[in-house]
């Protein structure tokens, strides 16, 4: 997608306006409905980037680590009288807890949550643009 230098300011203003209105579906629908087909295609191409929801991967690691650590606590309470099982459980629990702390301290979780929220807004914009484009193309095809 190439945009000329003279159209870049108007396109960036259009993108920022649409991103601001993405929280309210009715206002977003009115704003997108007023655009031409070319503007809708450009906006869709911009918002349909390949951004990943990286916060899911950190959340998955935290949930899996919490589950395994919980199981280790259960095994430790259940087999306290067996020294070998207790040592292995405590060691594994310490490894799981350290892994959770490493994830929590090294990954910018709040930044990833903001990115995932923005990606959700962009997905909503793209799906609405798809619906509008489908309606417009069927109108053109009927004529």
C-alpha atoms as a PDB file:
ATOM      1  CA  UNK A   1       0.000   0.000   0.000  1.00  0.00           C
ATOM      2  CA  UNK A   2       1.603   3.222  -1.200  1.00  0.00           C
ATOM      3  CA  UNK A   3       0.379   6.651  -0.245  1.00  0.00           C
ATOM      4  CA  UNK A   4       1.677   9.802  -1.892  1.00  0.00           C
ATOM      5  CA  UNK A   5       3.292  12.511   0.204  1.00  0.00           C
ATOM      6  CA  UNK A   6       0.407  14.958  -0.275  1.00  0.00           C
ATOM      7  CA  UNK A   7      -2.161  12.327   0.833  1.00  0.00           C
ATOM      8  CA  UNK A   8      -0.193  11.121   3.842  1.00  0.00           C
ATOM      9  CA  UNK A   9      -1.395  13.873   6.203  1.00  0.00           C
ATOM     10  CA  UNK A  10      -5.052  13.350   5.342  1.00  0.00           C
ATOM     11  CA  UNK A  11      -4.649   9.573   5.595  1.00  0.00           C
ATOM     12  CA  UNK A  12      -2.936   9.776   8.988  1.00  0.00           C
ATOM     13  CA  UNK A  13      -5.715  12.087  10.210  1.00  0.00           C
ATOM     14  CA  UNK A  14      -8.300   9.608   8.902  1.00  0.00           C
ATOM     15  CA  UNK A  15      -6.568   6.698  10.658  1.00  0.00           C
ATOM     16  CA  UNK A  16      -6.295   8.533  13.982  1.00  0.00           C
ATOM     17  CA  UNK A  17      -9.945   9.643  13.788  1.00  0.00           C
ATOM     18  CA  UNK A  18     -11.147   6.110  13.102  1.00  0.00           C
ATOM     19  CA  UNK A  19      -8.962   4.649  15.870  1.00  0.00           C
ATOM     20  CA  UNK A  20     -10.424   7.168  18.341  1.00  0.00           C
ATOM     21  CA  UNK A  21     -14.000   6.304  17.331  1.00  0.00           C
ATOM     22  CA  UNK A  22     -13.436   2.539  17.518  1.00  0.00           C
ATOM     23  CA  UNK A  23     -14.829   2.252  21.041  1.00  0.00           C
ATOM     24  CA  UNK A  24     -18.349   3.203  19.978  1.00  0.00           C
ATOM     25  CA  UNK A  25     -19.653   0.933  17.210  1.00  0.00           C
ATOM     26  CA  UNK A  26     -22.453   3.252  16.096  1.00  0.00           C
ATOM     27  CA  UNK A  27     -20.181   6.269  15.658  1.00  0.00           C
ATOM     28  CA  UNK A  28     -17.556   4.074  14.001  1.00  0.00           C
ATOM     29  CA  UNK A  29     -20.150   2.681  11.600  1.00  0.00           C
ATOM     30  CA  UNK A  30     -21.267   6.204  10.636  1.00  0.00           C
ATOM     31  CA  UNK A  31     -17.665   7.337  10.132  1.00  0.00           C
ATOM     32  CA  UNK A  32     -16.792   4.321   7.986  1.00  0.00           C
ATOM     33  CA  UNK A  33     -20.008   4.552   6.010  1.00  0.00           C
ATOM     34  CA  UNK A  34     -19.103   8.074   4.912  1.00  0.00           C
ATOM     35  CA  UNK A  35     -15.805   6.946   3.343  1.00  0.00           C
ATOM     36  CA  UNK A  36     -15.318   6.065  -0.292  1.00  0.00           C
ATOM     37  CA  UNK A  37     -14.418   2.553  -1.449  1.00  0.00           C
ATOM     38  CA  UNK A  38     -10.773   3.524  -2.021  1.00  0.00           C
ATOM     39  CA  UNK A  39     -10.471   5.034   1.445  1.00  0.00           C
ATOM     40  CA  UNK A  40     -12.087   1.951   2.962  1.00  0.00           C
ATOM     41  CA  UNK A  41      -9.648  -0.321   1.117  1.00  0.00           C
ATOM     42  CA  UNK A  42      -6.654   1.731   2.295  1.00  0.00           C
ATOM     43  CA  UNK A  43      -7.933   1.849   5.866  1.00  0.00           C
ATOM     44  CA  UNK A  44      -8.564  -1.889   5.871  1.00  0.00           C
ATOM     45  CA  UNK A  45      -5.069  -2.555   4.536  1.00  0.00           C
ATOM     46  CA  UNK A  46      -3.593  -0.381   7.278  1.00  0.00           C
ATOM     47  CA  UNK A  47      -5.534  -1.881  10.188  1.00  0.00           C
ATOM     48  CA  UNK A  48      -5.323  -5.488   8.974  1.00  0.00           C
ATOM     49  CA  UNK A  49      -1.631  -5.715   9.797  1.00  0.00           C
ATOM     50  CA  UNK A  50      -0.032  -8.877  11.074  1.00  0.00           C
ATOM     51  CA  UNK A  51       0.114  -7.859  14.716  1.00  0.00           C
ATOM     52  CA  UNK A  52       0.104 -10.765  17.137  1.00  0.00           C
ATOM     53  CA  UNK A  53      -1.536 -10.833  20.504  1.00  0.00           C
ATOM     54  CA  UNK A  54       1.672 -11.359  22.436  1.00  0.00           C
ATOM     55  CA  UNK A  55       0.063 -10.989  25.840  1.00  0.00           C
ATOM     56  CA  UNK A  56      -1.680 -14.348  25.287  1.00  0.00           C
ATOM     57  CA  UNK A  57       1.660 -16.158  25.241  1.00  0.00           C
ATOM     58  CA  UNK A  58       2.781 -14.643  28.552  1.00  0.00           C
ATOM     59  CA  UNK A  59      -0.641 -15.291  30.074  1.00  0.00           C
ATOM     60  CA  UNK A  60      -0.505 -18.912  28.909  1.00  0.00           C
ATOM     61  CA  UNK A  61       2.894 -19.384  30.553  1.00  0.00           C
ATOM     62  CA  UNK A  62       1.671 -17.827  33.788  1.00  0.00           C
ATOM     63  CA  UNK A  63      -1.456 -20.012  33.894  1.00  0.00           C
ATOM     64  CA  UNK A  64       0.482 -23.196  33.117  1.00  0.00           C
ATOM     65  CA  UNK A  65       3.138 -22.361  35.707  1.00  0.00           C
ATOM     66  CA  UNK A  66       0.497 -21.557  38.320  1.00  0.00           C
ATOM     67  CA  UNK A  67      -1.261 -24.871  37.685  1.00  0.00           C
ATOM     68  CA  UNK A  68       1.951 -26.866  37.952  1.00  0.00           C
ATOM     69  CA  UNK A  69       3.002 -24.975  41.074  1.00  0.00           C
ATOM     70  CA  UNK A  70      -0.407 -25.675  42.617  1.00  0.00           C
ATOM     71  CA  UNK A  71      -0.036 -29.363  41.848  1.00  0.00           C
ATOM     72  CA  UNK A  72       3.397 -29.349  43.474  1.00  0.00           C
ATOM     73  CA  UNK A  73       1.943 -27.765  46.619  1.00  0.00           C
ATOM     74  CA  UNK A  74      -0.730 -30.478  46.656  1.00  0.00           C
ATOM     75  CA  UNK A  75       1.867 -33.244  46.253  1.00  0.00           C
ATOM     76  CA  UNK A  76       4.038 -31.684  48.953  1.00  0.00           C
ATOM     77  CA  UNK A  77       1.127 -31.623  51.402  1.00  0.00           C
ATOM     78  CA  UNK A  78       0.069 -35.142  50.475  1.00  0.00           C
ATOM     79  CA  UNK A  79       3.507 -36.788  50.674  1.00  0.00           C
ATOM     80  CA  UNK A  80       5.209 -34.860  53.483  1.00  0.00           C
ATOM     81  CA  UNK A  81       6.345 -38.001  55.224  1.00  0.00           C
ATOM     82  CA  UNK A  82       8.283 -39.220  52.145  1.00  0.00           C
ATOM     83  CA  UNK A  83      11.523 -37.267  52.054  1.00  0.00           C
ATOM     84  CA  UNK A  84      12.415 -37.983  48.420  1.00  0.00           C
ATOM     85  CA  UNK A  85       9.011 -36.889  47.073  1.00  0.00           C
ATOM     86  CA  UNK A  86       9.036 -33.814  49.320  1.00  0.00           C
ATOM     87  CA  UNK A  87      12.485 -32.734  48.089  1.00  0.00           C
ATOM     88  CA  UNK A  88      11.509 -33.176  44.440  1.00  0.00           C
ATOM     89  CA  UNK A  89       8.242 -31.301  45.011  1.00  0.00           C
ATOM     90  CA  UNK A  90       9.951 -28.397  46.758  1.00  0.00           C
ATOM     91  CA  UNK A  91      12.609 -28.200  44.050  1.00  0.00           C
ATOM     92  CA  UNK A  92      10.054 -28.267  41.258  1.00  0.00           C
ATOM     93  CA  UNK A  93       7.921 -25.705  43.099  1.00  0.00           C
ATOM     94  CA  UNK A  94      10.927 -23.397  43.422  1.00  0.00           C
ATOM     95  CA  UNK A  95      11.685 -23.763  39.704  1.00  0.00           C
ATOM     96  CA  UNK A  96       8.054 -22.989  38.768  1.00  0.00           C
ATOM     97  CA  UNK A  97       7.913 -19.990  41.083  1.00  0.00           C
ATOM     98  CA  UNK A  98      11.193 -18.617  39.739  1.00  0.00           C
ATOM     99  CA  UNK A  99       9.944 -19.092  36.184  1.00  0.00           C
ATOM    100  CA  UNK A 100       6.767 -17.154  37.008  1.00  0.00           C
ATOM    101  CA  UNK A 101       8.784 -14.328  38.551  1.00  0.00           C
ATOM    102  CA  UNK A 102      11.081 -14.232  35.523  1.00  0.00           C
ATOM    103  CA  UNK A 103       8.062 -13.938  33.207  1.00  0.00           C
ATOM    104  CA  UNK A 104       6.458 -11.259  35.361  1.00  0.00           C
ATOM    105  CA  UNK A 105       9.652  -9.207  35.607  1.00  0.00           C
ATOM    106  CA  UNK A 106      11.087  -9.520  32.107  1.00  0.00           C
ATOM    107  CA  UNK A 107       8.063  -9.178  29.822  1.00  0.00           C
ATOM    108  CA  UNK A 108       6.329  -5.817  29.612  1.00  0.00           C
ATOM    109  CA  UNK A 109       2.906  -7.207  30.478  1.00  0.00           C
ATOM    110  CA  UNK A 110       1.058  -3.885  30.630  1.00  0.00           C
ATOM    111  CA  UNK A 111       2.450  -2.821  27.273  1.00  0.00           C
ATOM    112  CA  UNK A 112       1.345  -6.128  25.768  1.00  0.00           C
ATOM    113  CA  UNK A 113      -2.115  -5.748  27.292  1.00  0.00           C
ATOM    114  CA  UNK A 114      -2.407  -2.303  25.684  1.00  0.00           C
ATOM    115  CA  UNK A 115      -1.254  -3.725  22.357  1.00  0.00           C
ATOM    116  CA  UNK A 116      -3.769  -6.555  22.579  1.00  0.00           C
ATOM    117  CA  UNK A 117      -6.552  -4.087  23.377  1.00  0.00           C
ATOM    118  CA  UNK A 118      -5.546  -1.937  20.406  1.00  0.00           C
ATOM    119  CA  UNK A 119      -5.388  -5.039  18.215  1.00  0.00           C
ATOM    120  CA  UNK A 120      -8.938  -5.908  19.298  1.00  0.00           C
ATOM    121  CA  UNK A 121     -10.081  -2.425  18.287  1.00  0.00           C
ATOM    122  CA  UNK A 122      -8.334  -2.777  14.943  1.00  0.00           C
ATOM    123  CA  UNK A 123      -9.946  -6.171  14.366  1.00  0.00           C
ATOM    124  CA  UNK A 124     -13.339  -4.602  15.048  1.00  0.00           C
ATOM    125  CA  UNK A 125     -12.590  -1.841  12.527  1.00  0.00           C
ATOM    126  CA  UNK A 126     -11.483  -4.361   9.889  1.00  0.00           C
ATOM    127  CA  UNK A 127     -14.572  -6.531  10.352  1.00  0.00           C
ATOM    128  CA  UNK A 128     -16.844  -3.495  10.040  1.00  0.00           C
ATOM    129  CA  UNK A 129     -14.979  -2.362   6.909  1.00  0.00           C
ATOM    130  CA  UNK A 130     -15.399  -5.862   5.449  1.00  0.00           C
ATOM    131  CA  UNK A 131     -19.155  -5.675   5.990  1.00  0.00           C
ATOM    132  CA  UNK A 132     -19.410  -2.206   4.424  1.00  0.00           C
ATOM    133  CA  UNK A 133     -17.233  -3.184   1.458  1.00  0.00           C
ATOM    134  CA  UNK A 134     -19.284  -6.316   0.847  1.00  0.00           C
ATOM    135  CA  UNK A 135     -22.480  -4.281   0.819  1.00  0.00           C
ATOM    136  CA  UNK A 136     -21.009  -1.683  -1.538  1.00  0.00           C
ATOM    137  CA  UNK A 137     -19.562  -4.250  -3.916  1.00  0.00           C
ATOM    138  CA  UNK A 138     -22.905  -6.064  -4.096  1.00  0.00           C
ATOM    139  CA  UNK A 139     -24.606  -2.740  -4.891  1.00  0.00           C
ATOM    140  CA  UNK A 140     -22.084  -2.097  -7.653  1.00  0.00           C
ATOM    141  CA  UNK A 141     -22.520  -5.619  -8.998  1.00  0.00           C
ATOM    142  CA  UNK A 142     -26.309  -5.226  -9.090  1.00  0.00           C
ATOM    143  CA  UNK A 143     -26.057  -2.086 -11.227  1.00  0.00           C
END
